[in-house]
Amino acid sequence: MKKVLIAGVTALTLVFVGACGNTADNQDKETKTEETAKQTFKTKTVNNIDMKIGDIKTTESTKKGKNMVSIAMSFLNNDSAPVGVGAGDFKIKSGDKTYDVFPQGNNFGDEFKPNEKLAGKAYFELPTSVKKGTLVYAPMDKEKASWSITIPEAK
């Protein structure tokens, strides 16, 4: 009887230790996946304005087959005069299609003085089939800078 009891306690201990070990492994894998998904972009300077692209997030849109994509951006005015930048100056190109900023989004746009920063988000409503594209800075439809982007899955 003692042997059966010892064997049972040993088996339960191994199961418990094994289950705890798996949880840690899964958490590590999830963290690594999130870190891998985080994109980094080079800062580009256009007309003395440093432009930096930050996090890209995707949520489901209310329209079927569409996602809402937000792109965080920040700007530094290195010019000697105030400058203006707005989300409407940006587009996303994917394949042979071009997508304008979503007009009902809480998009950034303002004039800012020399040595000041401007930060905000640009919102785009894209088909769920769009996974990669090029974010283009094109004020007055003249392309000045671009970044290759990957659209993350909706969360």
C-alpha atoms as a PDB file:
ATOM      1  CA  MET A   1       0.000   0.000   0.000  1.00  0.00           C
ATOM      2  CA  LYS A   2       2.854   2.405   0.808  1.00  0.00           C
ATOM      3  CA  LYS A   3       4.403   1.805  -2.612  1.00  0.00           C
ATOM      4  CA  VAL A   4       1.141   2.735  -4.387  1.00  0.00           C
ATOM      5  CA  LEU A   5       0.773   5.874  -2.269  1.00  0.00           C
ATOM      6  CA  ILE A   6       4.387   6.935  -2.931  1.00  0.00           C
ATOM      7  CA  ALA A   7       3.967   6.255  -6.661  1.00  0.00           C
ATOM      8  CA  GLY A   8       0.747   8.322  -6.715  1.00  0.00           C
ATOM      9  CA  VAL A   9       2.314  11.274  -4.870  1.00  0.00           C
ATOM     10  CA  THR A  10       5.366  11.144  -7.170  1.00  0.00           C
ATOM     11  CA  ALA A  11       3.160  11.100 -10.286  1.00  0.00           C
ATOM     12  CA  LEU A  12       1.101  14.078  -9.055  1.00  0.00           C
ATOM     13  CA  THR A  13       4.274  16.012  -8.216  1.00  0.00           C
ATOM     14  CA  LEU A  14       5.657  15.427 -11.726  1.00  0.00           C
ATOM     15  CA  VAL A  15       2.382  16.540 -13.346  1.00  0.00           C
ATOM     16  CA  PHE A  16       2.272  19.684 -11.191  1.00  0.00           C
ATOM     17  CA  VAL A  17       5.902  20.615 -11.939  1.00  0.00           C
ATOM     18  CA  GLY A  18       5.419  19.900 -15.637  1.00  0.00           C
ATOM     19  CA  ALA A  19       2.300  22.096 -15.823  1.00  0.00           C
ATOM     20  CA  CYS A  20       4.080  25.010 -14.147  1.00  0.00           C
ATOM     21  CA  GLY A  21       6.990  24.703 -16.561  1.00  0.00           C
ATOM     22  CA  ASN A  22       4.694  24.823 -19.603  1.00  0.00           C
ATOM     23  CA  THR A  23       3.044  28.042 -18.456  1.00  0.00           C
ATOM     24  CA  ALA A  24       6.391  29.839 -18.284  1.00  0.00           C
ATOM     25  CA  ASP A  25       7.352  28.565 -21.743  1.00  0.00           C
ATOM     26  CA  ASN A  26       4.062  29.790 -23.238  1.00  0.00           C
ATOM     27  CA  GLN A  27       4.470  33.234 -21.670  1.00  0.00           C
ATOM     28  CA  ASP A  28       8.015  33.492 -23.049  1.00  0.00           C
ATOM     29  CA  LYS A  29       6.789  32.545 -26.533  1.00  0.00           C
ATOM     30  CA  GLU A  30       3.987  35.148 -26.398  1.00  0.00           C
ATOM     31  CA  THR A  31       6.414  37.868 -25.305  1.00  0.00           C
ATOM     32  CA  LYS A  32       8.851  36.980 -28.081  1.00  0.00           C
ATOM     33  CA  THR A  33       6.045  37.031 -30.660  1.00  0.00           C
ATOM     34  CA  GLU A  34       4.972  40.510 -29.541  1.00  0.00           C
ATOM     35  CA  GLU A  35       8.576  41.757 -29.616  1.00  0.00           C
ATOM     36  CA  THR A  36       9.118  40.297 -33.081  1.00  0.00           C
ATOM     37  CA  ALA A  37       5.928  41.922 -34.352  1.00  0.00           C
ATOM     38  CA  LYS A  38       7.077  45.379 -33.218  1.00  0.00           C
ATOM     39  CA  GLN A  39       8.438  47.194 -36.245  1.00  0.00           C
ATOM     40  CA  THR A  40      11.108  49.852 -36.157  1.00  0.00           C
ATOM     41  CA  PHE A  41      11.409  52.558 -38.791  1.00  0.00           C
ATOM     42  CA  LYS A  42      14.120  54.986 -39.749  1.00  0.00           C
ATOM     43  CA  THR A  43      13.526  58.649 -39.020  1.00  0.00           C
ATOM     44  CA  LYS A  44      13.378  60.602 -42.266  1.00  0.00           C
ATOM     45  CA  THR A  45      13.918  64.334 -42.712  1.00  0.00           C
ATOM     46  CA  VAL A  46      11.805  66.250 -45.227  1.00  0.00           C
ATOM     47  CA  ASN A  47      11.934  70.053 -45.513  1.00  0.00           C
ATOM     48  CA  ASN A  48      13.781  70.247 -42.157  1.00  0.00           C
ATOM     49  CA  ILE A  49      11.129  68.150 -40.400  1.00  0.00           C
ATOM     50  CA  ASP A  50      12.240  64.900 -38.729  1.00  0.00           C
ATOM     51  CA  MET A  51       9.499  62.297 -39.275  1.00  0.00           C
ATOM     52  CA  LYS A  52       9.293  59.164 -37.153  1.00  0.00           C
ATOM     53  CA  ILE A  53       6.812  56.309 -37.471  1.00  0.00           C
ATOM     54  CA  GLY A  54       5.819  54.560 -34.227  1.00  0.00           C
ATOM     55  CA  ASP A  55       3.444  51.723 -33.379  1.00  0.00           C
ATOM     56  CA  ILE A  56       0.989  50.386 -35.929  1.00  0.00           C
ATOM     57  CA  LYS A  57      -2.197  48.887 -34.465  1.00  0.00           C
ATOM     58  CA  THR A  58      -5.125  47.180 -36.149  1.00  0.00           C
ATOM     59  CA  THR A  59      -8.699  46.769 -34.938  1.00  0.00           C
ATOM     60  CA  GLU A  60     -11.781  45.451 -36.702  1.00  0.00           C
ATOM     61  CA  SER A  61     -13.852  48.082 -38.461  1.00  0.00           C
ATOM     62  CA  THR A  62     -17.619  48.255 -38.237  1.00  0.00           C
ATOM     63  CA  LYS A  63     -17.685  47.556 -41.975  1.00  0.00           C
ATOM     64  CA  LYS A  64     -17.436  43.930 -43.051  1.00  0.00           C
ATOM     65  CA  GLY A  65     -14.092  42.970 -44.609  1.00  0.00           C
ATOM     66  CA  LYS A  66     -12.343  46.117 -43.316  1.00  0.00           C
ATOM     67  CA  ASN A  67      -9.833  46.882 -40.567  1.00  0.00           C
ATOM     68  CA  MET A  68      -9.058  50.183 -38.898  1.00  0.00           C
ATOM     69  CA  VAL A  69      -5.305  50.793 -38.808  1.00  0.00           C
ATOM     70  CA  SER A  70      -3.755  53.485 -36.619  1.00  0.00           C
ATOM     71  CA  ILE A  71      -0.195  54.644 -37.171  1.00  0.00           C
ATOM     72  CA  ALA A  72       1.499  56.678 -34.448  1.00  0.00           C
ATOM     73  CA  MET A  73       3.803  59.410 -35.770  1.00  0.00           C
ATOM     74  CA  SER A  74       5.998  62.133 -34.322  1.00  0.00           C
ATOM     75  CA  PHE A  75       7.629  65.143 -35.919  1.00  0.00           C
ATOM     76  CA  LEU A  76      10.334  67.625 -34.930  1.00  0.00           C
ATOM     77  CA  ASN A  77      10.518  71.030 -36.619  1.00  0.00           C
ATOM     78  CA  ASN A  78      14.175  71.802 -37.388  1.00  0.00           C
ATOM     79  CA  ASP A  79      13.230  74.743 -39.623  1.00  0.00           C
ATOM     80  CA  SER A  80      13.522  78.417 -38.688  1.00  0.00           C
ATOM     81  CA  ALA A  81       9.802  79.031 -39.277  1.00  0.00           C
ATOM     82  CA  PRO A  82       6.558  77.336 -38.172  1.00  0.00           C
ATOM     83  CA  VAL A  83       5.517  74.380 -40.340  1.00  0.00           C
ATOM     84  CA  GLY A  84       2.321  72.394 -40.693  1.00  0.00           C
ATOM     85  CA  VAL A  85       1.892  68.637 -41.014  1.00  0.00           C
ATOM     86  CA  GLY A  86      -1.317  66.641 -41.034  1.00  0.00           C
ATOM     87  CA  ALA A  87      -2.451  63.047 -41.421  1.00  0.00           C
ATOM     88  CA  GLY A  88      -4.044  64.033 -44.741  1.00  0.00           C
ATOM     89  CA  ASP A  89      -0.506  64.339 -46.161  1.00  0.00           C
ATOM     90  CA  PHE A  90      -0.077  60.554 -45.802  1.00  0.00           C
ATOM     91  CA  LYS A  91      -1.346  57.648 -47.913  1.00  0.00           C
ATOM     92  CA  ILE A  92      -0.902  53.889 -47.896  1.00  0.00           C
ATOM     93  CA  LYS A  93      -0.070  52.150 -51.160  1.00  0.00           C
ATOM     94  CA  SER A  94      -0.593  48.410 -51.438  1.00  0.00           C
ATOM     95  CA  GLY A  95      -0.422  46.606 -54.740  1.00  0.00           C
ATOM     96  CA  ASP A  96      -2.008  48.867 -57.369  1.00  0.00           C
ATOM     97  CA  LYS A  97      -4.286  50.652 -54.865  1.00  0.00           C
ATOM     98  CA  THR A  98      -3.815  53.803 -52.806  1.00  0.00           C
ATOM     99  CA  TYR A  99      -5.699  54.405 -49.552  1.00  0.00           C
ATOM    100  CA  ASP A 100      -6.274  57.880 -48.125  1.00  0.00           C
ATOM    101  CA  VAL A 101      -6.489  58.688 -44.435  1.00  0.00           C
ATOM    102  CA  PHE A 102      -9.859  57.843 -42.842  1.00  0.00           C
ATOM    103  CA  PRO A 103     -11.578  61.261 -42.602  1.00  0.00           C
ATOM    104  CA  GLN A 104     -13.686  60.409 -39.529  1.00  0.00           C
ATOM    105  CA  GLY A 105     -10.624  59.268 -37.547  1.00  0.00           C
ATOM    106  CA  ASN A 106      -9.101  61.325 -34.732  1.00  0.00           C
ATOM    107  CA  ASN A 107      -6.209  62.260 -37.030  1.00  0.00           C
ATOM    108  CA  PHE A 108      -3.377  64.626 -36.137  1.00  0.00           C
ATOM    109  CA  GLY A 109      -2.712  67.889 -37.906  1.00  0.00           C
ATOM    110  CA  ASP A 110      -1.300  71.193 -36.738  1.00  0.00           C
ATOM    111  CA  GLU A 111       1.245  73.906 -37.254  1.00  0.00           C
ATOM    112  CA  PHE A 112       4.195  73.837 -34.885  1.00  0.00           C
ATOM    113  CA  LYS A 113       7.062  76.224 -34.172  1.00  0.00           C
ATOM    114  CA  PRO A 114      10.808  75.698 -34.648  1.00  0.00           C
ATOM    115  CA  ASN A 115      12.304  73.100 -32.262  1.00  0.00           C
ATOM    116  CA  GLU A 116       8.820  71.931 -31.221  1.00  0.00           C
ATOM    117  CA  LYS A 117       7.431  68.412 -31.564  1.00  0.00           C
ATOM    118  CA  LEU A 118       4.090  67.272 -32.934  1.00  0.00           C
ATOM    119  CA  ALA A 119       2.764  63.771 -32.273  1.00  0.00           C
ATOM    120  CA  GLY A 120      -0.431  61.989 -33.169  1.00  0.00           C
ATOM    121  CA  LYS A 121      -2.029  59.152 -35.089  1.00  0.00           C
ATOM    122  CA  ALA A 122      -3.229  58.715 -38.642  1.00  0.00           C
ATOM    123  CA  TYR A 123      -6.145  56.334 -39.217  1.00  0.00           C
ATOM    124  CA  PHE A 124      -6.749  54.268 -42.329  1.00  0.00           C
ATOM    125  CA  GLU A 125      -9.647  51.950 -43.124  1.00  0.00           C
ATOM    126  CA  LEU A 126      -8.128  49.108 -45.142  1.00  0.00           C
ATOM    127  CA  PRO A 127      -9.468  45.855 -46.572  1.00  0.00           C
ATOM    128  CA  THR A 128      -8.596  42.894 -44.325  1.00  0.00           C
ATOM    129  CA  SER A 129      -6.619  41.455 -47.252  1.00  0.00           C
ATOM    130  CA  VAL A 130      -4.006  44.245 -46.992  1.00  0.00           C
ATOM    131  CA  LYS A 131      -1.050  42.855 -45.008  1.00  0.00           C
ATOM    132  CA  LYS A 132       1.837  44.956 -46.340  1.00  0.00           C
ATOM    133  CA  GLY A 133       2.151  48.331 -47.924  1.00  0.00           C
ATOM    134  CA  THR A 134       4.048  51.569 -48.205  1.00  0.00           C
ATOM    135  CA  LEU A 135       3.230  54.553 -46.037  1.00  0.00           C
ATOM    136  CA  VAL A 136       3.858  57.616 -48.197  1.00  0.00           C
ATOM    137  CA  TYR A 137       4.286  61.246 -47.143  1.00  0.00           C
ATOM    138  CA  ALA A 138       2.905  63.133 -50.149  1.00  0.00           C
ATOM    139  CA  PRO A 139       1.878  66.719 -49.395  1.00  0.00           C
ATOM    140  CA  MET A 140      -0.004  68.184 -52.368  1.00  0.00           C
ATOM    141  CA  ASP A 141       0.337  64.748 -54.033  1.00  0.00           C
ATOM    142  CA  LYS A 142       4.135  65.028 -54.356  1.00  0.00           C
ATOM    143  CA  GLU A 143       5.837  62.003 -52.796  1.00  0.00           C
ATOM    144  CA  LYS A 144       8.587  63.159 -50.397  1.00  0.00           C
ATOM    145  CA  ALA A 145       9.218  60.099 -48.181  1.00  0.00           C
ATOM    146  CA  SER A 146       8.047  56.513 -47.762  1.00  0.00           C
ATOM    147  CA  TRP A 147       8.271  53.608 -45.317  1.00  0.00           C
ATOM    148  CA  SER A 148       7.574  49.898 -45.931  1.00  0.00           C
ATOM    149  CA  ILE A 149       5.057  48.727 -43.339  1.00  0.00           C
ATOM    150  CA  THR A 150       3.452  45.478 -42.265  1.00  0.00           C
ATOM    151  CA  ILE A 151      -0.157  45.636 -41.107  1.00  0.00           C
ATOM    152  CA  PRO A 152      -0.552  43.584 -37.912  1.00  0.00           C
ATOM    153  CA  GLU A 153      -3.527  41.297 -37.290  1.00  0.00           C
ATOM    154  CA  ALA A 154      -6.576  42.889 -35.694  1.00  0.00           C
ATOM    155  CA  LYS A 155      -6.774  42.463 -31.911  1.00  0.00           C
END
